[in-house]
C-alpha atoms as a PDB file:
ATOM      1  CA  UNK A   1     187.195 -11.356 161.783  1.00  0.00           C
ATOM      2  CA  UNK A   2     186.682 -14.815 163.316  1.00  0.00           C
ATOM      3  CA  UNK A   3     186.988 -15.120 167.082  1.00  0.00           C
ATOM      4  CA  UNK A   4     189.887 -17.568 167.469  1.00  0.00           C
ATOM      5  CA  UNK A   5     190.283 -19.332 170.792  1.00  0.00           C
ATOM      6  CA  UNK A   6     192.877 -21.661 172.352  1.00  0.00           C
ATOM      7  CA  UNK A   7     191.558 -23.550 175.375  1.00  0.00           C
ATOM      8  CA  UNK A   8     194.356 -26.026 176.150  1.00  0.00           C
ATOM      9  CA  UNK A   9     197.824 -24.512 176.631  1.00  0.00           C
ATOM     10  CA  UNK A  10     200.682 -25.120 179.054  1.00  0.00           C
ATOM     11  CA  UNK A  11     203.148 -22.553 180.371  1.00  0.00           C
ATOM     12  CA  UNK A  12     205.064 -24.107 183.307  1.00  0.00           C
ATOM     13  CA  UNK A  13     208.351 -25.321 181.882  1.00  0.00           C
ATOM     14  CA  UNK A  14     207.722 -23.656 178.520  1.00  0.00           C
ATOM     15  CA  UNK A  15     210.759 -22.446 176.609  1.00  0.00           C
ATOM     16  CA  UNK A  16     209.336 -18.991 175.910  1.00  0.00           C
ATOM     17  CA  UNK A  17     208.170 -16.218 178.211  1.00  0.00           C
ATOM     18  CA  UNK A  18     204.546 -15.410 178.969  1.00  0.00           C
ATOM     19  CA  UNK A  19     205.020 -12.197 176.991  1.00  0.00           C
ATOM     20  CA  UNK A  20     206.289 -14.161 173.982  1.00  0.00           C
ATOM     21  CA  UNK A  21     203.318 -16.517 174.274  1.00  0.00           C
ATOM     22  CA  UNK A  22     200.861 -13.635 174.185  1.00  0.00           C
ATOM     23  CA  UNK A  23     202.756 -12.186 171.233  1.00  0.00           C
ATOM     24  CA  UNK A  24     202.169 -15.476 169.390  1.00  0.00           C
ATOM     25  CA  UNK A  25     198.478 -15.074 170.163  1.00  0.00           C
ATOM     26  CA  UNK A  26     198.399 -11.536 168.765  1.00  0.00           C
ATOM     27  CA  UNK A  27     200.304 -12.533 165.637  1.00  0.00           C
ATOM     28  CA  UNK A  28     197.657 -15.183 164.962  1.00  0.00           C
ATOM     29  CA  UNK A  29     194.679 -13.022 165.926  1.00  0.00           C
ATOM     30  CA  UNK A  30     193.808 -15.311 168.846  1.00  0.00           C
ATOM     31  CA  UNK A  31     191.498 -13.330 171.089  1.00  0.00           C
ATOM     32  CA  UNK A  32     190.859 -15.794 173.925  1.00  0.00           C
ATOM     33  CA  UNK A  33     193.289 -18.232 175.581  1.00  0.00           C
ATOM     34  CA  UNK A  34     193.296 -20.572 178.544  1.00  0.00           C
ATOM     35  CA  UNK A  35     196.409 -21.616 180.444  1.00  0.00           C
ATOM     36  CA  UNK A  36     195.948 -25.140 181.757  1.00  0.00           C
ATOM     37  CA  UNK A  37     199.167 -26.133 183.515  1.00  0.00           C
ATOM     38  CA  UNK A  38     199.338 -29.477 185.288  1.00  0.00           C
ATOM     39  CA  UNK A  39     198.149 -29.370 188.921  1.00  0.00           C
ATOM     40  CA  UNK A  40     199.049 -25.725 189.464  1.00  0.00           C
ATOM     41  CA  UNK A  41     197.922 -22.100 189.091  1.00  0.00           C
ATOM     42  CA  UNK A  42     201.518 -20.930 189.360  1.00  0.00           C
ATOM     43  CA  UNK A  43     201.559 -19.077 186.032  1.00  0.00           C
ATOM     44  CA  UNK A  44     198.669 -16.833 187.090  1.00  0.00           C
ATOM     45  CA  UNK A  45     200.007 -16.152 190.570  1.00  0.00           C
ATOM     46  CA  UNK A  46     203.692 -15.734 189.713  1.00  0.00           C
ATOM     47  CA  UNK A  47     204.075 -14.881 186.018  1.00  0.00           C
ATOM     48  CA  UNK A  48     201.223 -12.480 185.248  1.00  0.00           C
ATOM     49  CA  UNK A  49     202.494  -9.887 187.785  1.00  0.00           C
ATOM     50  CA  UNK A  50     205.856  -9.875 185.968  1.00  0.00           C
ATOM     51  CA  UNK A  51     204.293  -8.509 182.781  1.00  0.00           C
ATOM     52  CA  UNK A  52     205.302  -4.896 182.233  1.00  0.00           C
ATOM     53  CA  UNK A  53     202.964  -1.951 181.763  1.00  0.00           C
ATOM     54  CA  UNK A  54     203.953  -2.058 178.104  1.00  0.00           C
ATOM     55  CA  UNK A  55     202.985  -5.749 177.952  1.00  0.00           C
ATOM     56  CA  UNK A  56     199.619  -5.109 179.578  1.00  0.00           C
ATOM     57  CA  UNK A  57     198.865  -2.346 177.112  1.00  0.00           C
ATOM     58  CA  UNK A  58     200.004  -4.458 174.148  1.00  0.00           C
ATOM     59  CA  UNK A  59     197.944  -7.491 175.155  1.00  0.00           C
ATOM     60  CA  UNK A  60     194.896  -5.773 176.627  1.00  0.00           C
ATOM     61  CA  UNK A  61     192.502  -7.133 173.976  1.00  0.00           C
ATOM     62  CA  UNK A  62     193.371 -10.761 174.819  1.00  0.00           C
ATOM     63  CA  UNK A  63     190.850 -12.469 177.102  1.00  0.00           C
ATOM     64  CA  UNK A  64     192.139 -15.045 179.610  1.00  0.00           C
ATOM     65  CA  UNK A  65     190.446 -18.215 180.878  1.00  0.00           C
ATOM     66  CA  UNK A  66     191.689 -19.503 184.237  1.00  0.00           C
ATOM     67  CA  UNK A  67     192.299 -23.233 183.995  1.00  0.00           C
ATOM     68  CA  UNK A  68     194.478 -26.232 184.846  1.00  0.00           C
ATOM     69  CA  UNK A  69     194.833 -29.932 184.077  1.00  0.00           C
ATOM     70  CA  UNK A  70     194.722 -32.748 186.633  1.00  0.00           C
ATOM     71  CA  UNK A  71     195.506 -36.472 186.409  1.00  0.00           C
ATOM     72  CA  UNK A  72     193.752 -39.389 188.062  1.00  0.00           C
ATOM     73  CA  UNK A  73     193.561 -43.161 187.818  1.00  0.00           C
ATOM     74  CA  UNK A  74     190.551 -44.626 186.031  1.00  0.00           C
ATOM     75  CA  UNK A  75     189.646 -48.286 185.619  1.00  0.00           C
ATOM     76  CA  UNK A  76     187.767 -49.193 182.466  1.00  0.00           C
ATOM     77  CA  UNK A  77     186.951 -52.319 180.485  1.00  0.00           C
ATOM     78  CA  UNK A  78     188.031 -52.269 176.844  1.00  0.00           C
ATOM     79  CA  UNK A  79     186.040 -53.710 173.955  1.00  0.00           C
ATOM     80  CA  UNK A  80     187.861 -57.032 174.417  1.00  0.00           C
ATOM     81  CA  UNK A  81     186.537 -57.260 177.973  1.00  0.00           C
ATOM     82  CA  UNK A  82     189.932 -56.583 179.594  1.00  0.00           C
ATOM     83  CA  UNK A  83     190.107 -54.343 182.656  1.00  0.00           C
ATOM     84  CA  UNK A  84     192.765 -51.633 182.642  1.00  0.00           C
ATOM     85  CA  UNK A  85     193.798 -48.842 184.987  1.00  0.00           C
ATOM     86  CA  UNK A  86     195.096 -45.765 183.216  1.00  0.00           C
ATOM     87  CA  UNK A  87     196.303 -42.352 184.313  1.00  0.00           C
ATOM     88  CA  UNK A  88     193.909 -40.033 182.507  1.00  0.00           C
ATOM     89  CA  UNK A  89     193.732 -36.250 182.453  1.00  0.00           C
ATOM     90  CA  UNK A  90     190.860 -33.942 183.269  1.00  0.00           C
ATOM     91  CA  UNK A  91     190.661 -30.202 182.564  1.00  0.00           C
ATOM     92  CA  UNK A  92     189.368 -27.571 184.970  1.00  0.00           C
ATOM     93  CA  UNK A  93     188.115 -24.135 183.915  1.00  0.00           C
ATOM     94  CA  UNK A  94     186.854 -21.071 185.810  1.00  0.00           C
ATOM     95  CA  UNK A  95     189.162 -21.792 188.762  1.00  0.00           C
ATOM     96  CA  UNK A  96     189.094 -19.400 191.717  1.00  0.00           C
ATOM     97  CA  UNK A  97     192.620 -17.955 191.985  1.00  0.00           C
ATOM     98  CA  UNK A  98     192.096 -17.193 195.669  1.00  0.00           C
ATOM     99  CA  UNK A  99     192.051 -20.962 196.240  1.00  0.00           C
ATOM    100  CA  UNK A 100     195.564 -21.514 194.882  1.00  0.00           C
ATOM    101  CA  UNK A 101     196.877 -22.385 198.373  1.00  0.00           C
ATOM    102  CA  UNK A 102     194.071 -24.923 198.821  1.00  0.00           C
ATOM    103  CA  UNK A 103     194.943 -26.411 195.432  1.00  0.00           C
ATOM    104  CA  UNK A 104     198.609 -26.716 196.384  1.00  0.00           C
ATOM    105  CA  UNK A 105     197.657 -28.404 199.670  1.00  0.00           C
ATOM    106  CA  UNK A 106     195.303 -30.899 197.992  1.00  0.00           C
ATOM    107  CA  UNK A 107     197.868 -31.684 195.297  1.00  0.00           C
ATOM    108  CA  UNK A 108     200.621 -32.277 197.851  1.00  0.00           C
ATOM    109  CA  UNK A 109     198.315 -34.586 199.818  1.00  0.00           C
ATOM    110  CA  UNK A 110     197.221 -36.665 196.828  1.00  0.00           C
ATOM    111  CA  UNK A 111     200.097 -36.777 194.333  1.00  0.00           C
ATOM    112  CA  UNK A 112     203.625 -38.138 194.250  1.00  0.00           C
ATOM    113  CA  UNK A 113     205.714 -35.990 191.922  1.00  0.00           C
ATOM    114  CA  UNK A 114     207.759 -37.837 189.325  1.00  0.00           C
ATOM    115  CA  UNK A 115     209.552 -34.892 187.758  1.00  0.00           C
ATOM    116  CA  UNK A 116     212.696 -35.151 189.883  1.00  0.00           C
ATOM    117  CA  UNK A 117     215.910 -35.719 187.889  1.00  0.00           C
ATOM    118  CA  UNK A 118     216.501 -38.981 189.764  1.00  0.00           C
ATOM    119  CA  UNK A 119     213.132 -40.433 188.810  1.00  0.00           C
ATOM    120  CA  UNK A 120     213.407 -39.286 185.213  1.00  0.00           C
ATOM    121  CA  UNK A 121     216.912 -40.756 184.831  1.00  0.00           C
ATOM    122  CA  UNK A 122     215.641 -44.156 185.949  1.00  0.00           C
ATOM    123  CA  UNK A 123     212.623 -43.807 183.694  1.00  0.00           C
ATOM    124  CA  UNK A 124     214.845 -42.971 180.725  1.00  0.00           C
ATOM    125  CA  UNK A 125     216.902 -46.099 181.396  1.00  0.00           C
ATOM    126  CA  UNK A 126     213.704 -48.158 181.435  1.00  0.00           C
ATOM    127  CA  UNK A 127     212.359 -46.653 178.226  1.00  0.00           C
ATOM    128  CA  UNK A 128     215.663 -47.105 176.391  1.00  0.00           C
ATOM    129  CA  UNK A 129     215.811 -50.750 177.454  1.00  0.00           C
ATOM    130  CA  UNK A 130     212.296 -51.328 176.101  1.00  0.00           C
ATOM    131  CA  UNK A 131     213.073 -49.482 172.856  1.00  0.00           C
ATOM    132  CA  UNK A 132     216.160 -51.612 172.266  1.00  0.00           C
ATOM    133  CA  UNK A 133     214.213 -54.804 172.964  1.00  0.00           C
ATOM    134  CA  UNK A 134     211.622 -53.764 170.361  1.00  0.00           C
ATOM    135  CA  UNK A 135     214.368 -53.202 167.790  1.00  0.00           C
ATOM    136  CA  UNK A 136     214.088 -49.410 167.583  1.00  0.00           C
ATOM    137  CA  UNK A 137     217.281 -47.550 166.757  1.00  0.00           C
ATOM    138  CA  UNK A 138     218.463 -44.198 168.107  1.00  0.00           C
ATOM    139  CA  UNK A 139     221.529 -42.440 169.485  1.00  0.00           C
ATOM    140  CA  UNK A 140     220.905 -43.880 172.946  1.00  0.00           C
ATOM    141  CA  UNK A 141     224.384 -43.042 174.277  1.00  0.00           C
ATOM    142  CA  UNK A 142     223.656 -39.329 173.951  1.00  0.00           C
ATOM    143  CA  UNK A 143     220.269 -39.347 175.675  1.00  0.00           C
ATOM    144  CA  UNK A 144     220.474 -37.605 179.046  1.00  0.00           C
ATOM    145  CA  UNK A 145     218.228 -35.705 181.451  1.00  0.00           C
ATOM    146  CA  UNK A 146     219.289 -32.051 181.347  1.00  0.00           C
ATOM    147  CA  UNK A 147     218.103 -28.551 182.245  1.00  0.00           C
ATOM    148  CA  UNK A 148     216.914 -28.154 178.668  1.00  0.00           C
ATOM    149  CA  UNK A 149     214.956 -31.413 178.586  1.00  0.00           C
ATOM    150  CA  UNK A 150     213.842 -32.999 181.847  1.00  0.00           C
ATOM    151  CA  UNK A 151     211.303 -35.593 180.676  1.00  0.00           C
ATOM    152  CA  UNK A 152     212.445 -39.094 179.788  1.00  0.00           C
ATOM    153  CA  UNK A 153     209.538 -39.895 177.453  1.00  0.00           C
ATOM    154  CA  UNK A 154     210.129 -36.788 175.406  1.00  0.00           C
ATOM    155  CA  UNK A 155     213.884 -37.408 175.136  1.00  0.00           C
ATOM    156  CA  UNK A 156     213.316 -40.910 173.784  1.00  0.00           C
ATOM    157  CA  UNK A 157     210.557 -39.731 171.462  1.00  0.00           C
ATOM    158  CA  UNK A 158     212.761 -37.070 169.859  1.00  0.00           C
ATOM    159  CA  UNK A 159     215.539 -39.634 169.561  1.00  0.00           C
ATOM    160  CA  UNK A 160     213.334 -42.136 167.739  1.00  0.00           C
ATOM    161  CA  UNK A 161     212.205 -39.578 165.153  1.00  0.00           C
ATOM    162  CA  UNK A 162     215.719 -38.321 164.440  1.00  0.00           C
ATOM    163  CA  UNK A 163     216.004 -38.164 160.602  1.00  0.00           C
ATOM    164  CA  UNK A 164     218.826 -40.690 160.760  1.00  0.00           C
ATOM    165  CA  UNK A 165     216.584 -43.319 162.393  1.00  0.00           C
ATOM    166  CA  UNK A 166     212.922 -42.445 161.779  1.00  0.00           C
ATOM    167  CA  UNK A 167     212.364 -44.446 158.571  1.00  0.00           C
ATOM    168  CA  UNK A 168     213.820 -47.577 160.123  1.00  0.00           C
ATOM    169  CA  UNK A 169     211.806 -47.093 163.315  1.00  0.00           C
ATOM    170  CA  UNK A 170     208.637 -46.595 161.291  1.00  0.00           C
ATOM    171  CA  UNK A 171     209.334 -49.917 159.609  1.00  0.00           C
ATOM    172  CA  UNK A 172     209.595 -51.487 163.089  1.00  0.00           C
ATOM    173  CA  UNK A 173     206.155 -50.195 164.068  1.00  0.00           C
ATOM    174  CA  UNK A 174     206.804 -46.749 165.558  1.00  0.00           C
ATOM    175  CA  UNK A 175     203.734 -44.515 165.567  1.00  0.00           C
ATOM    176  CA  UNK A 176     203.849 -42.204 162.495  1.00  0.00           C
ATOM    177  CA  UNK A 177     202.133 -39.568 164.640  1.00  0.00           C
ATOM    178  CA  UNK A 178     205.360 -39.072 166.607  1.00  0.00           C
ATOM    179  CA  UNK A 179     206.880 -37.337 163.591  1.00  0.00           C
ATOM    180  CA  UNK A 180     204.097 -34.754 163.669  1.00  0.00           C
ATOM    181  CA  UNK A 181     203.937 -34.422 167.439  1.00  0.00           C
ATOM    182  CA  UNK A 182     206.713 -36.125 169.482  1.00  0.00           C
ATOM    183  CA  UNK A 183     204.935 -35.252 172.745  1.00  0.00           C
ATOM    184  CA  UNK A 184     202.253 -37.886 172.151  1.00  0.00           C
ATOM    185  CA  UNK A 185     204.735 -40.610 173.113  1.00  0.00           C
ATOM    186  CA  UNK A 186     203.791 -40.423 176.793  1.00  0.00           C
ATOM    187  CA  UNK A 187     200.035 -40.701 176.259  1.00  0.00           C
ATOM    188  CA  UNK A 188     200.218 -43.189 173.401  1.00  0.00           C
ATOM    189  CA  UNK A 189     202.836 -45.488 174.911  1.00  0.00           C
ATOM    190  CA  UNK A 190     203.479 -44.834 178.606  1.00  0.00           C
ATOM    191  CA  UNK A 191     199.803 -44.469 179.556  1.00  0.00           C
ATOM    192  CA  UNK A 192     198.656 -47.362 177.381  1.00  0.00           C
ATOM    193  CA  UNK A 193     198.366 -50.631 179.381  1.00  0.00           C
ATOM    194  CA  UNK A 194     198.785 -52.671 176.187  1.00  0.00           C
ATOM    195  CA  UNK A 195     202.143 -51.060 175.374  1.00  0.00           C
ATOM    196  CA  UNK A 196     205.507 -52.482 176.503  1.00  0.00           C
ATOM    197  CA  UNK A 197     206.424 -48.889 177.440  1.00  0.00           C
ATOM    198  CA  UNK A 198     203.496 -48.727 179.888  1.00  0.00           C
ATOM    199  CA  UNK A 199     204.233 -47.123 183.257  1.00  0.00           C
ATOM    200  CA  UNK A 200     201.925 -48.139 186.104  1.00  0.00           C
ATOM    201  CA  UNK A 201     201.016 -44.841 187.781  1.00  0.00           C
ATOM    202  CA  UNK A 202     198.610 -45.867 190.539  1.00  0.00           C
ATOM    203  CA  UNK A 203     201.230 -45.028 193.143  1.00  0.00           C
ATOM    204  CA  UNK A 204     201.686 -41.496 191.794  1.00  0.00           C
ATOM    205  CA  UNK A 205     198.103 -40.329 191.230  1.00  0.00           C
ATOM    206  CA  UNK A 206     194.804 -40.436 193.136  1.00  0.00           C
ATOM    207  CA  UNK A 207     191.605 -41.873 191.684  1.00  0.00           C
ATOM    208  CA  UNK A 208     190.019 -39.754 188.946  1.00  0.00           C
ATOM    209  CA  UNK A 209     187.105 -38.974 191.280  1.00  0.00           C
ATOM    210  CA  UNK A 210     189.585 -37.262 193.616  1.00  0.00           C
ATOM    211  CA  UNK A 211     191.069 -35.216 190.770  1.00  0.00           C
ATOM    212  CA  UNK A 212     187.579 -34.083 189.778  1.00  0.00           C
ATOM    213  CA  UNK A 213     186.774 -33.234 193.409  1.00  0.00           C
ATOM    214  CA  UNK A 214     189.905 -31.083 193.701  1.00  0.00           C
ATOM    215  CA  UNK A 215     188.818 -29.024 190.687  1.00  0.00           C
ATOM    216  CA  UNK A 216     185.355 -28.566 192.162  1.00  0.00           C
ATOM    217  CA  UNK A 217     186.755 -27.581 195.580  1.00  0.00           C
ATOM    218  CA  UNK A 218     188.802 -24.893 193.838  1.00  0.00           C
ATOM    219  CA  UNK A 219     185.716 -23.460 192.161  1.00  0.00           C
ATOM    220  CA  UNK A 220     186.245 -24.970 188.738  1.00  0.00           C
ATOM    221  CA  UNK A 221     184.162 -26.697 186.087  1.00  0.00           C
ATOM    222  CA  UNK A 222     185.373 -30.044 184.726  1.00  0.00           C
ATOM    223  CA  UNK A 223     185.934 -30.894 181.054  1.00  0.00           C
ATOM    224  CA  UNK A 224     186.835 -34.354 179.685  1.00  0.00           C
ATOM    225  CA  UNK A 225     189.822 -33.810 177.327  1.00  0.00           C
ATOM    226  CA  UNK A 226     191.564 -35.739 174.518  1.00  0.00           C
ATOM    227  CA  UNK A 227     189.374 -38.808 174.933  1.00  0.00           C
ATOM    228  CA  UNK A 228     191.204 -40.714 172.160  1.00  0.00           C
ATOM    229  CA  UNK A 229     194.689 -40.092 173.532  1.00  0.00           C
ATOM    230  CA  UNK A 230     195.098 -43.420 175.295  1.00  0.00           C
ATOM    231  CA  UNK A 231     194.684 -45.909 172.449  1.00  0.00           C
ATOM    232  CA  UNK A 232     197.492 -45.883 169.838  1.00  0.00           C
ATOM    233  CA  UNK A 233     196.165 -45.553 166.289  1.00  0.00           C
ATOM    234  CA  UNK A 234     198.911 -47.609 164.622  1.00  0.00           C
ATOM    235  CA  UNK A 235     199.286 -50.932 162.870  1.00  0.00           C
ATOM    236  CA  UNK A 236     197.171 -52.499 160.135  1.00  0.00           C
ATOM    237  CA  UNK A 237     193.671 -51.396 159.170  1.00  0.00           C
ATOM    238  CA  UNK A 238     191.949 -53.705 161.652  1.00  0.00           C
ATOM    239  CA  UNK A 239     194.184 -52.593 164.543  1.00  0.00           C
ATOM    240  CA  UNK A 240     193.492 -48.927 163.804  1.00  0.00           C
ATOM    241  CA  UNK A 241     189.754 -49.612 163.586  1.00  0.00           C
ATOM    242  CA  UNK A 242     189.931 -51.434 166.935  1.00  0.00           C
ATOM    243  CA  UNK A 243     191.739 -48.479 168.527  1.00  0.00           C
ATOM    244  CA  UNK A 244     189.122 -45.964 167.394  1.00  0.00           C
ATOM    245  CA  UNK A 245     186.304 -48.228 168.606  1.00  0.00           C
ATOM    246  CA  UNK A 246     188.085 -48.632 171.935  1.00  0.00           C
ATOM    247  CA  UNK A 247     188.350 -44.830 172.180  1.00  0.00           C
ATOM    248  CA  UNK A 248     184.605 -44.542 171.619  1.00  0.00           C
ATOM    249  CA  UNK A 249     183.837 -47.116 174.314  1.00  0.00           C
ATOM    250  CA  UNK A 250     186.241 -45.429 176.731  1.00  0.00           C
ATOM    251  CA  UNK A 251     184.516 -42.097 176.087  1.00  0.00           C
ATOM    252  CA  UNK A 252     181.001 -43.498 176.492  1.00  0.00           C
ATOM    253  CA  UNK A 253     181.895 -45.390 179.673  1.00  0.00           C
ATOM    254  CA  UNK A 254     183.534 -42.396 181.334  1.00  0.00           C
ATOM    255  CA  UNK A 255     180.699 -40.024 180.452  1.00  0.00           C
ATOM    256  CA  UNK A 256     178.183 -42.584 181.679  1.00  0.00           C
ATOM    257  CA  UNK A 257     179.992 -42.880 185.006  1.00  0.00           C
ATOM    258  CA  UNK A 258     181.011 -39.255 185.579  1.00  0.00           C
ATOM    259  CA  UNK A 259     178.723 -37.238 183.311  1.00  0.00           C
ATOM    260  CA  UNK A 260     177.029 -35.502 186.243  1.00  0.00           C
ATOM    261  CA  UNK A 261     180.419 -34.198 187.374  1.00  0.00           C
ATOM    262  CA  UNK A 262     181.283 -32.804 183.934  1.00  0.00           C
ATOM    263  CA  UNK A 263     180.594 -29.467 182.292  1.00  0.00           C
ATOM    264  CA  UNK A 264     181.971 -30.323 178.880  1.00  0.00           C
ATOM    265  CA  UNK A 265     184.009 -32.507 176.559  1.00  0.00           C
ATOM    266  CA  UNK A 266     186.993 -31.591 174.357  1.00  0.00           C
ATOM    267  CA  UNK A 267     185.945 -32.194 170.739  1.00  0.00           C
ATOM    268  CA  UNK A 268     189.045 -30.759 169.041  1.00  0.00           C
ATOM    269  CA  UNK A 269     192.506 -32.071 169.954  1.00  0.00           C
ATOM    270  CA  UNK A 270     195.596 -33.273 168.018  1.00  0.00           C
ATOM    271  CA  UNK A 271     195.103 -36.845 169.275  1.00  0.00           C
ATOM    272  CA  UNK A 272     191.962 -37.092 167.134  1.00  0.00           C
ATOM    273  CA  UNK A 273     194.194 -36.945 164.020  1.00  0.00           C
ATOM    274  CA  UNK A 274     191.656 -34.936 162.063  1.00  0.00           C
ATOM    275  CA  UNK A 275     189.122 -37.784 162.307  1.00  0.00           C
ATOM    276  CA  UNK A 276     185.892 -36.004 161.352  1.00  0.00           C
ATOM    277  CA  UNK A 277     183.761 -38.995 162.325  1.00  0.00           C
ATOM    278  CA  UNK A 278     185.246 -39.112 165.823  1.00  0.00           C
ATOM    279  CA  UNK A 279     184.734 -35.375 166.308  1.00  0.00           C
ATOM    280  CA  UNK A 280     181.113 -35.828 165.262  1.00  0.00           C
ATOM    281  CA  UNK A 281     180.787 -38.722 167.722  1.00  0.00           C
ATOM    282  CA  UNK A 282     182.062 -36.440 170.507  1.00  0.00           C
ATOM    283  CA  UNK A 283     179.628 -33.675 169.545  1.00  0.00           C
ATOM    284  CA  UNK A 284     176.738 -36.131 169.589  1.00  0.00           C
ATOM    285  CA  UNK A 285     177.915 -37.530 172.939  1.00  0.00           C
ATOM    286  CA  UNK A 286     178.036 -33.993 174.351  1.00  0.00           C
ATOM    287  CA  UNK A 287     174.542 -33.196 173.074  1.00  0.00           C
ATOM    288  CA  UNK A 288     173.067 -36.444 174.392  1.00  0.00           C
ATOM    289  CA  UNK A 289     174.514 -35.795 177.846  1.00  0.00           C
ATOM    290  CA  UNK A 290     173.908 -32.064 178.123  1.00  0.00           C
ATOM    291  CA  UNK A 291     177.604 -31.170 177.929  1.00  0.00           C
ATOM    292  CA  UNK A 292     179.275 -28.170 176.332  1.00  0.00           C
ATOM    293  CA  UNK A 293     182.100 -28.634 173.828  1.00  0.00           C
ATOM    294  CA  UNK A 294     185.635 -27.222 174.002  1.00  0.00           C
ATOM    295  CA  UNK A 295     188.700 -27.560 171.820  1.00  0.00           C
ATOM    296  CA  UNK A 296     192.434 -26.994 172.133  1.00  0.00           C
ATOM    297  CA  UNK A 297     195.847 -27.928 170.825  1.00  0.00           C
ATOM    298  CA  UNK A 298     197.697 -28.885 174.033  1.00  0.00           C
ATOM    299  CA  UNK A 299     200.362 -26.269 173.299  1.00  0.00           C
ATOM    300  CA  UNK A 300     203.574 -26.740 175.312  1.00  0.00           C
ATOM    301  CA  UNK A 301     206.299 -24.741 173.585  1.00  0.00           C
ATOM    302  CA  UNK A 302     206.955 -22.092 170.905  1.00  0.00           C
ATOM    303  CA  UNK A 303     206.187 -23.032 167.350  1.00  0.00           C
ATOM    304  CA  UNK A 304     203.303 -25.325 168.267  1.00  0.00           C
ATOM    305  CA  UNK A 305     199.757 -24.464 167.290  1.00  0.00           C
ATOM    306  CA  UNK A 306     197.739 -22.500 169.828  1.00  0.00           C
ATOM    307  CA  UNK A 307     194.334 -22.409 168.141  1.00  0.00           C
ATOM    308  CA  UNK A 308     194.470 -24.455 164.959  1.00  0.00           C
ATOM    309  CA  UNK A 309     193.392 -28.061 164.454  1.00  0.00           C
ATOM    310  CA  UNK A 310     195.395 -30.811 162.728  1.00  0.00           C
ATOM    311  CA  UNK A 311     193.738 -29.964 159.412  1.00  0.00           C
ATOM    312  CA  UNK A 312     195.027 -26.394 159.636  1.00  0.00           C
ATOM    313  CA  UNK A 313     191.572 -24.967 160.392  1.00  0.00           C
ATOM    314  CA  UNK A 314     191.345 -22.318 163.099  1.00  0.00           C
ATOM    315  CA  UNK A 315     189.559 -23.151 166.325  1.00  0.00           C
ATOM    316  CA  UNK A 316     186.915 -20.466 166.683  1.00  0.00           C
ATOM    317  CA  UNK A 317     184.077 -19.845 169.100  1.00  0.00           C
ATOM    318  CA  UNK A 318     181.493 -20.736 166.484  1.00  0.00           C
ATOM    319  CA  UNK A 319     182.924 -24.300 166.508  1.00  0.00           C
ATOM    320  CA  UNK A 320     182.344 -24.430 170.280  1.00  0.00           C
ATOM    321  CA  UNK A 321     178.670 -23.442 170.634  1.00  0.00           C
ATOM    322  CA  UNK A 322     177.429 -22.277 174.014  1.00  0.00           C
ATOM    323  CA  UNK A 323     180.887 -21.440 175.320  1.00  0.00           C
ATOM    324  CA  UNK A 324     179.961 -17.893 176.359  1.00  0.00           C
ATOM    325  CA  UNK A 325     177.129 -19.301 178.479  1.00  0.00           C
ATOM    326  CA  UNK A 326     179.499 -20.762 181.077  1.00  0.00           C
ATOM    327  CA  UNK A 327     183.131 -19.861 180.490  1.00  0.00           C
ATOM    328  CA  UNK A 328     184.553 -16.850 182.334  1.00  0.00           C
ATOM    329  CA  UNK A 329     187.150 -14.583 180.743  1.00  0.00           C
ATOM    330  CA  UNK A 330     189.366 -11.851 182.160  1.00  0.00           C
ATOM    331  CA  UNK A 331     191.758  -9.220 180.907  1.00  0.00           C
ATOM    332  CA  UNK A 332     195.399  -9.304 181.934  1.00  0.00           C
ATOM    333  CA  UNK A 333     194.669  -6.298 184.162  1.00  0.00           C
ATOM    334  CA  UNK A 334     191.863  -8.279 185.821  1.00  0.00           C
ATOM    335  CA  UNK A 335     194.260 -11.124 186.610  1.00  0.00           C
ATOM    336  CA  UNK A 336     196.839  -8.728 188.039  1.00  0.00           C
ATOM    337  CA  UNK A 337     194.239  -7.101 190.306  1.00  0.00           C
ATOM    338  CA  UNK A 338     193.120 -10.527 191.551  1.00  0.00           C
ATOM    339  CA  UNK A 339     196.688 -11.507 192.355  1.00  0.00           C
ATOM    340  CA  UNK A 340     197.346  -8.187 194.134  1.00  0.00           C
ATOM    341  CA  UNK A 341     194.226  -8.670 196.273  1.00  0.00           C
ATOM    342  CA  UNK A 342     195.209 -12.263 197.088  1.00  0.00           C
ATOM    343  CA  UNK A 343     198.725 -11.143 198.025  1.00  0.00           C
ATOM    344  CA  UNK A 344     197.397  -8.490 200.428  1.00  0.00           C
ATOM    345  CA  UNK A 345     194.977 -10.926 202.070  1.00  0.00           C
ATOM    346  CA  UNK A 346     197.707 -13.536 202.563  1.00  0.00           C
ATOM    347  CA  UNK A 347     200.181 -11.184 204.246  1.00  0.00           C
END
């Protein structure tokens, strides 16, 4: 049986329990998973100990990778010669759980959190105003920040793809990819300097070098993820071609500048839209720069794919050669023992 692996998954704020998540893994014969929450190791420290003895027995064959995802500002020059600053993400693997307090301290010193209801309400107002100006239609009067949905970008995205409005919005230039994955709205629009939805994030995030340094200080290895996520692949044939070429330049420039700080590059991700040529470009880039390859689905909530690419093909270890040479895996019991030891030492 193939060794299926999911290396890019988020649990903080997820709408299912950790036990339910692991059940999804078992149902799909996924043997190895990483949890890569944004700027925190909270799931490992707080949620793993809540698993019951029955859970631990049920999920004992699943191997866990300790990870997280950070964000930092990066300035690059696109293929048109324009300079842009974007908030890009970076993955960390093999984190040392005993450094979770250090991570929290470094995050609090370097980041301004934007997930407060007040900030998100204002952001939703801004996004709705832009959407209306662009001629998009949606049930704007019923869009609100709530306990069930706290992120403005996601609320607007789901509103735009509502069956009642999606065909019209597609005709007005909405990204078709939103219908497949509404969560891409933030990366494709809000992080894209060329988009009217763009949100300048320099005041919220440190430089990307700082984000990388935080991962290293917490014992982790750095992987460059979803390298094509920041350039919307929409419009006519020439615009789409431009976007893919811009993604290649962005990838090459970042690896050239930070390659020595990297362990790997994410070659499988939904933002690549099943583009075989781009995946091959990433594999060649990794080989040329002595980097390992990883792959993941960016899972956030139940029903999303954990270890399957956009073409419906399983992500397996044989598609990520060399992974066992550097990635560390643990059983659920291992994680619990680590957390127990950390708890005793911190008392």
